[in-house]
Amino acid sequence: MDEEELMELRKKRLAELQQAQELEAQKKMLLKNLVEPRAYERLMNVRLANPELYNQLVNLIAYLYRAGQVKGMITETQVLKLLEKLRGREREPTITVRRKGD
């Protein structure tokens, strides 16, 4: 690779990072307006522990808001219920034991 290609790749990567940061800032602003402080703390803990689950949860909250199903601020209890629903969608792993003689 020559230097021009490297610069283009760096610019592209920087633009992607900036876009991701802007999206995360929008998510946080939306959450601060829709959820109570304790629920927000819970969401930030989920974000650290499981980013994929956090994104699913934020998308679900945004969907519920757009659909008009959110009345008032979302409480920590409601966040926990939404988390349970999302975790329930995940398939439980199964363990199969195979014996040598079978």
N, C-alpha and C. Protein backbone atom coordinates (compact mmCIF):
# COMPACT_ATOMS: atom_id res chain seq x y z
N MET A 1 0.84 -1.19 0.00
CA MET A 1 0.00 0.00 0.00
C MET A 1 0.88 1.24 0.00
N ASP A 2 0.45 2.19 -0.77
CA ASP A 2 1.21 3.43 -0.73
C ASP A 2 0.60 4.37 0.31
N GLU A 3 1.24 5.49 0.48
CA GLU A 3 0.86 6.42 1.55
C GLU A 3 -0.53 7.02 1.33
N GLU A 4 -0.90 7.26 0.08
CA GLU A 4 -2.22 7.82 -0.21
C GLU A 4 -3.33 6.87 0.22
N GLU A 5 -3.17 5.59 -0.07
CA GLU A 5 -4.17 4.60 0.32
C GLU A 5 -4.30 4.52 1.83
N LEU A 6 -3.16 4.59 2.52
CA LEU A 6 -3.18 4.58 3.98
C LEU A 6 -3.93 5.79 4.53
N MET A 7 -3.69 6.94 3.96
CA MET A 7 -4.38 8.15 4.41
C MET A 7 -5.88 8.04 4.17
N GLU A 8 -6.26 7.50 3.03
CA GLU A 8 -7.69 7.32 2.73
C GLU A 8 -8.33 6.37 3.73
N LEU A 9 -7.64 5.27 4.05
CA LEU A 9 -8.17 4.33 5.03
C LEU A 9 -8.31 4.98 6.41
N ARG A 10 -7.34 5.77 6.78
CA ARG A 10 -7.39 6.46 8.07
C ARG A 10 -8.55 7.44 8.13
N LYS A 11 -8.74 8.19 7.04
CA LYS A 11 -9.84 9.15 6.99
C LYS A 11 -11.19 8.43 7.08
N LYS A 12 -11.29 7.33 6.36
CA LYS A 12 -12.53 6.56 6.37
C LYS A 12 -12.81 6.02 7.76
N ARG A 13 -11.80 5.48 8.41
CA ARG A 13 -11.96 4.92 9.76
C ARG A 13 -12.32 6.02 10.76
N LEU A 14 -11.69 7.17 10.63
CA LEU A 14 -11.98 8.30 11.51
C LEU A 14 -13.43 8.75 11.34
N ALA A 15 -13.90 8.81 10.10
CA ALA A 15 -15.29 9.19 9.84
C ALA A 15 -16.25 8.18 10.45
N GLU A 16 -15.93 6.89 10.35
CA GLU A 16 -16.78 5.85 10.95
C GLU A 16 -16.83 5.99 12.46
N LEU A 17 -15.69 6.26 13.08
CA LEU A 17 -15.64 6.43 14.53
C LEU A 17 -16.44 7.65 14.98
N GLN A 18 -16.34 8.74 14.23
CA GLN A 18 -17.08 9.95 14.57
C GLN A 18 -18.58 9.71 14.45
N GLN A 19 -18.98 8.98 13.42
CA GLN A 19 -20.39 8.67 13.22
C GLN A 19 -20.91 7.79 14.36
N ALA A 20 -20.11 6.83 14.79
CA ALA A 20 -20.51 5.96 15.89
C ALA A 20 -20.63 6.76 17.19
N GLN A 21 -19.72 7.70 17.41
CA GLN A 21 -19.79 8.53 18.61
C GLN A 21 -21.03 9.42 18.60
N GLU A 22 -21.37 9.96 17.44
CA GLU A 22 -22.56 10.80 17.34
C GLU A 22 -23.82 9.97 17.60
N LEU A 23 -23.87 8.77 17.08
CA LEU A 23 -25.01 7.89 17.30
C LEU A 23 -25.15 7.55 18.78
N GLU A 24 -24.04 7.25 19.43
CA GLU A 24 -24.07 6.94 20.86
C GLU A 24 -24.52 8.16 21.67
N ALA A 25 -24.09 9.34 21.29
CA ALA A 25 -24.51 10.56 21.98
C ALA A 25 -26.02 10.77 21.82
N GLN A 26 -26.55 10.49 20.63
CA GLN A 26 -27.99 10.60 20.41
C GLN A 26 -28.76 9.60 21.26
N LYS A 27 -28.24 8.38 21.36
CA LYS A 27 -28.89 7.36 22.18
C LYS A 27 -28.93 7.81 23.64
N LYS A 28 -27.81 8.31 24.13
CA LYS A 28 -27.75 8.74 25.53
C LYS A 28 -28.72 9.89 25.80
N MET A 29 -28.82 10.84 24.86
CA MET A 29 -29.72 11.97 25.03
C MET A 29 -31.17 11.47 25.06
N LEU A 30 -31.50 10.56 24.17
CA LEU A 30 -32.85 9.99 24.13
C LEU A 30 -33.16 9.30 25.45
N LEU A 31 -32.21 8.50 25.93
CA LEU A 31 -32.43 7.77 27.18
C LEU A 31 -32.59 8.71 28.37
N LYS A 32 -31.79 9.75 28.42
CA LYS A 32 -31.89 10.68 29.55
C LYS A 32 -33.26 11.35 29.59
N ASN A 33 -33.88 11.52 28.42
CA ASN A 33 -35.20 12.14 28.37
C ASN A 33 -36.32 11.16 28.64
N LEU A 34 -36.08 9.87 28.44
CA LEU A 34 -37.15 8.88 28.55
C LEU A 34 -37.11 8.02 29.80
N VAL A 35 -35.96 7.91 30.44
CA VAL A 35 -35.85 7.00 31.58
C VAL A 35 -35.44 7.76 32.85
N GLU A 36 -35.83 7.20 33.98
CA GLU A 36 -35.46 7.78 35.27
C GLU A 36 -33.96 7.58 35.50
N PRO A 37 -33.38 8.38 36.38
CA PRO A 37 -31.92 8.28 36.61
C PRO A 37 -31.44 6.88 37.00
N ARG A 38 -32.17 6.19 37.88
CA ARG A 38 -31.74 4.84 38.27
C ARG A 38 -31.82 3.88 37.09
N ALA A 39 -32.83 4.05 36.26
CA ALA A 39 -32.97 3.20 35.07
C ALA A 39 -31.84 3.50 34.09
N TYR A 40 -31.45 4.78 34.00
CA TYR A 40 -30.35 5.16 33.12
C TYR A 40 -29.05 4.51 33.60
N GLU A 41 -28.83 4.53 34.91
CA GLU A 41 -27.64 3.88 35.46
C GLU A 41 -27.63 2.39 35.11
N ARG A 42 -28.78 1.77 35.23
CA ARG A 42 -28.91 0.34 34.91
C ARG A 42 -28.55 0.11 33.45
N LEU A 43 -29.05 0.97 32.57
CA LEU A 43 -28.76 0.83 31.14
C LEU A 43 -27.26 0.99 30.86
N MET A 44 -26.61 1.91 31.55
CA MET A 44 -25.18 2.10 31.34
C MET A 44 -24.39 0.89 31.83
N ASN A 45 -24.86 0.25 32.89
CA ASN A 45 -24.21 -0.98 33.36
C ASN A 45 -24.38 -2.10 32.34
N VAL A 46 -25.57 -2.20 31.76
CA VAL A 46 -25.81 -3.21 30.72
C VAL A 46 -24.91 -2.93 29.53
N ARG A 47 -24.75 -1.65 29.21
CA ARG A 47 -23.90 -1.26 28.07
C ARG A 47 -22.47 -1.76 28.26
N LEU A 48 -21.97 -1.64 29.48
CA LEU A 48 -20.61 -2.09 29.75
C LEU A 48 -20.50 -3.61 29.72
N ALA A 49 -21.50 -4.28 30.26
CA ALA A 49 -21.45 -5.74 30.37
C ALA A 49 -21.79 -6.45 29.08
N ASN A 50 -22.76 -5.91 28.33
CA ASN A 50 -23.23 -6.59 27.13
C ASN A 50 -23.70 -5.55 26.10
N PRO A 51 -22.79 -5.02 25.29
CA PRO A 51 -23.14 -3.96 24.34
C PRO A 51 -24.25 -4.36 23.36
N GLU A 52 -24.28 -5.61 22.95
CA GLU A 52 -25.31 -6.06 22.01
C GLU A 52 -26.69 -5.99 22.65
N LEU A 53 -26.80 -6.45 23.88
CA LEU A 53 -28.07 -6.40 24.60
C LEU A 53 -28.48 -4.95 24.84
N TYR A 54 -27.52 -4.10 25.15
CA TYR A 54 -27.79 -2.67 25.34
C TYR A 54 -28.39 -2.07 24.08
N ASN A 55 -27.80 -2.36 22.92
CA ASN A 55 -28.33 -1.83 21.67
C ASN A 55 -29.74 -2.32 21.40
N GLN A 56 -30.00 -3.58 21.67
CA GLN A 56 -31.35 -4.12 21.50
C GLN A 56 -32.33 -3.40 22.41
N LEU A 57 -31.92 -3.16 23.64
CA LEU A 57 -32.78 -2.51 24.62
C LEU A 57 -33.07 -1.07 24.23
N VAL A 58 -32.06 -0.34 23.80
CA VAL A 58 -32.25 1.05 23.37
C VAL A 58 -33.17 1.10 22.16
N ASN A 59 -32.98 0.19 21.22
CA ASN A 59 -33.85 0.15 20.04
C ASN A 59 -35.29 -0.15 20.44
N LEU A 60 -35.47 -1.05 21.40
CA LEU A 60 -36.81 -1.39 21.87
C LEU A 60 -37.46 -0.18 22.56
N ILE A 61 -36.71 0.52 23.39
CA ILE A 61 -37.24 1.71 24.06
C ILE A 61 -37.62 2.77 23.04
N ALA A 62 -36.77 2.98 22.04
CA ALA A 62 -37.07 3.96 20.99
C ALA A 62 -38.32 3.56 20.21
N TYR A 63 -38.46 2.27 19.92
CA TYR A 63 -39.64 1.78 19.21
C TYR A 63 -40.90 2.02 20.04
N LEU A 64 -40.84 1.68 21.32
CA LEU A 64 -41.99 1.87 22.20
C LEU A 64 -42.37 3.35 22.29
N TYR A 65 -41.37 4.20 22.32
CA TYR A 65 -41.63 5.64 22.37
C TYR A 65 -42.31 6.12 21.09
N ARG A 66 -41.79 5.69 19.94
CA ARG A 66 -42.37 6.09 18.66
C ARG A 66 -43.79 5.55 18.49
N ALA A 67 -44.05 4.37 19.07
CA ALA A 67 -45.37 3.76 18.95
C ALA A 67 -46.36 4.36 19.95
N GLY A 68 -45.89 5.24 20.81
CA GLY A 68 -46.77 5.88 21.78
C GLY A 68 -47.11 5.01 22.97
N GLN A 69 -46.31 3.99 23.20
CA GLN A 69 -46.59 3.07 24.30
C GLN A 69 -45.88 3.46 25.59
N VAL A 70 -45.12 4.53 25.55
CA VAL A 70 -44.40 4.99 26.75
C VAL A 70 -45.19 6.15 27.34
N LYS A 71 -45.61 5.97 28.58
CA LYS A 71 -46.33 7.03 29.29
C LYS A 71 -45.46 7.47 30.46
N GLY A 72 -44.96 8.67 30.40
CA GLY A 72 -44.08 9.15 31.47
C GLY A 72 -42.68 8.58 31.33
N MET A 73 -41.95 8.68 32.42
CA MET A 73 -40.57 8.19 32.42
C MET A 73 -40.56 6.68 32.66
N ILE A 74 -39.62 6.00 32.04
CA ILE A 74 -39.47 4.56 32.22
C ILE A 74 -38.69 4.33 33.51
N THR A 75 -39.22 3.46 34.36
CA THR A 75 -38.59 3.18 35.65
C THR A 75 -37.58 2.05 35.52
N GLU A 76 -36.80 1.88 36.58
CA GLU A 76 -35.82 0.80 36.60
C GLU A 76 -36.52 -0.56 36.52
N THR A 77 -37.68 -0.67 37.17
CA THR A 77 -38.44 -1.92 37.14
C THR A 77 -38.87 -2.25 35.71
N GLN A 78 -39.32 -1.24 34.98
CA GLN A 78 -39.72 -1.45 33.59
C GLN A 78 -38.53 -1.86 32.73
N VAL A 79 -37.37 -1.26 32.99
CA VAL A 79 -36.15 -1.63 32.25
C VAL A 79 -35.82 -3.09 32.51
N LEU A 80 -35.94 -3.51 33.77
CA LEU A 80 -35.66 -4.91 34.11
C LEU A 80 -36.63 -5.85 33.40
N LYS A 81 -37.90 -5.46 33.31
CA LYS A 81 -38.88 -6.29 32.60
C LYS A 81 -38.54 -6.39 31.11
N LEU A 82 -38.13 -5.28 30.52
CA LEU A 82 -37.72 -5.30 29.11
C LEU A 82 -36.50 -6.19 28.92
N LEU A 83 -35.57 -6.12 29.86
CA LEU A 83 -34.38 -6.98 29.79
C LEU A 83 -34.77 -8.46 29.85
N GLU A 84 -35.71 -8.78 30.72
CA GLU A 84 -36.17 -10.17 30.83
C GLU A 84 -36.79 -10.63 29.51
N LYS A 85 -37.58 -9.76 28.88
CA LYS A 85 -38.19 -10.12 27.60
C LYS A 85 -37.12 -10.37 26.54
N LEU A 86 -36.12 -9.49 26.50
CA LEU A 86 -35.06 -9.65 25.50
C LEU A 86 -34.25 -10.91 25.76
N ARG A 87 -33.97 -11.18 27.01
CA ARG A 87 -33.21 -12.39 27.34
C ARG A 87 -34.02 -13.64 27.06
N GLY A 88 -35.33 -13.53 27.20
CA GLY A 88 -36.21 -14.67 26.92
C GLY A 88 -36.21 -15.06 25.46
N ARG A 89 -35.90 -14.08 24.60
CA ARG A 89 -35.85 -14.36 23.16
C ARG A 89 -34.63 -15.19 22.79
N GLU A 90 -33.58 -15.04 23.59
CA GLU A 90 -32.36 -15.80 23.31
C GLU A 90 -32.61 -17.26 23.63
N ARG A 91 -32.18 -18.11 22.77
CA ARG A 91 -32.37 -19.54 22.98
C ARG A 91 -31.42 -20.06 24.03
N GLU A 92 -31.95 -20.86 24.92
CA GLU A 92 -31.13 -21.46 25.96
C GLU A 92 -30.20 -22.50 25.33
N PRO A 93 -28.94 -22.51 25.71
CA PRO A 93 -28.04 -23.52 25.17
C PRO A 93 -28.41 -24.91 25.71
N THR A 94 -28.28 -25.90 24.85
CA THR A 94 -28.58 -27.26 25.27
C THR A 94 -27.28 -28.05 25.31
N ILE A 95 -27.22 -28.95 26.26
CA ILE A 95 -26.03 -29.79 26.41
C ILE A 95 -26.43 -31.22 26.08
N THR A 96 -25.73 -31.82 25.15
CA THR A 96 -26.00 -33.19 24.75
C THR A 96 -24.81 -34.04 25.15
N VAL A 97 -25.10 -35.14 25.83
CA VAL A 97 -24.04 -36.05 26.26
C VAL A 97 -24.07 -37.26 25.35
N ARG A 98 -22.95 -37.53 24.71
CA ARG A 98 -22.83 -38.70 23.83
C ARG A 98 -21.82 -39.65 24.44
N ARG A 99 -22.22 -40.85 24.57
CA ARG A 99 -21.34 -41.87 25.15
C ARG A 99 -20.64 -42.61 24.01
N LYS A 100 -19.48 -43.16 24.30
CA LYS A 100 -18.69 -43.85 23.27
C LYS A 100 -19.43 -45.05 22.69
N GLY A 101 -20.12 -45.80 23.51
CA GLY A 101 -20.78 -47.02 23.04
C GLY A 101 -22.08 -46.78 22.28
N ASP A 102 -22.62 -45.57 22.30
CA ASP A 102 -23.92 -45.31 21.67
C ASP A 102 -23.82 -45.01 20.21
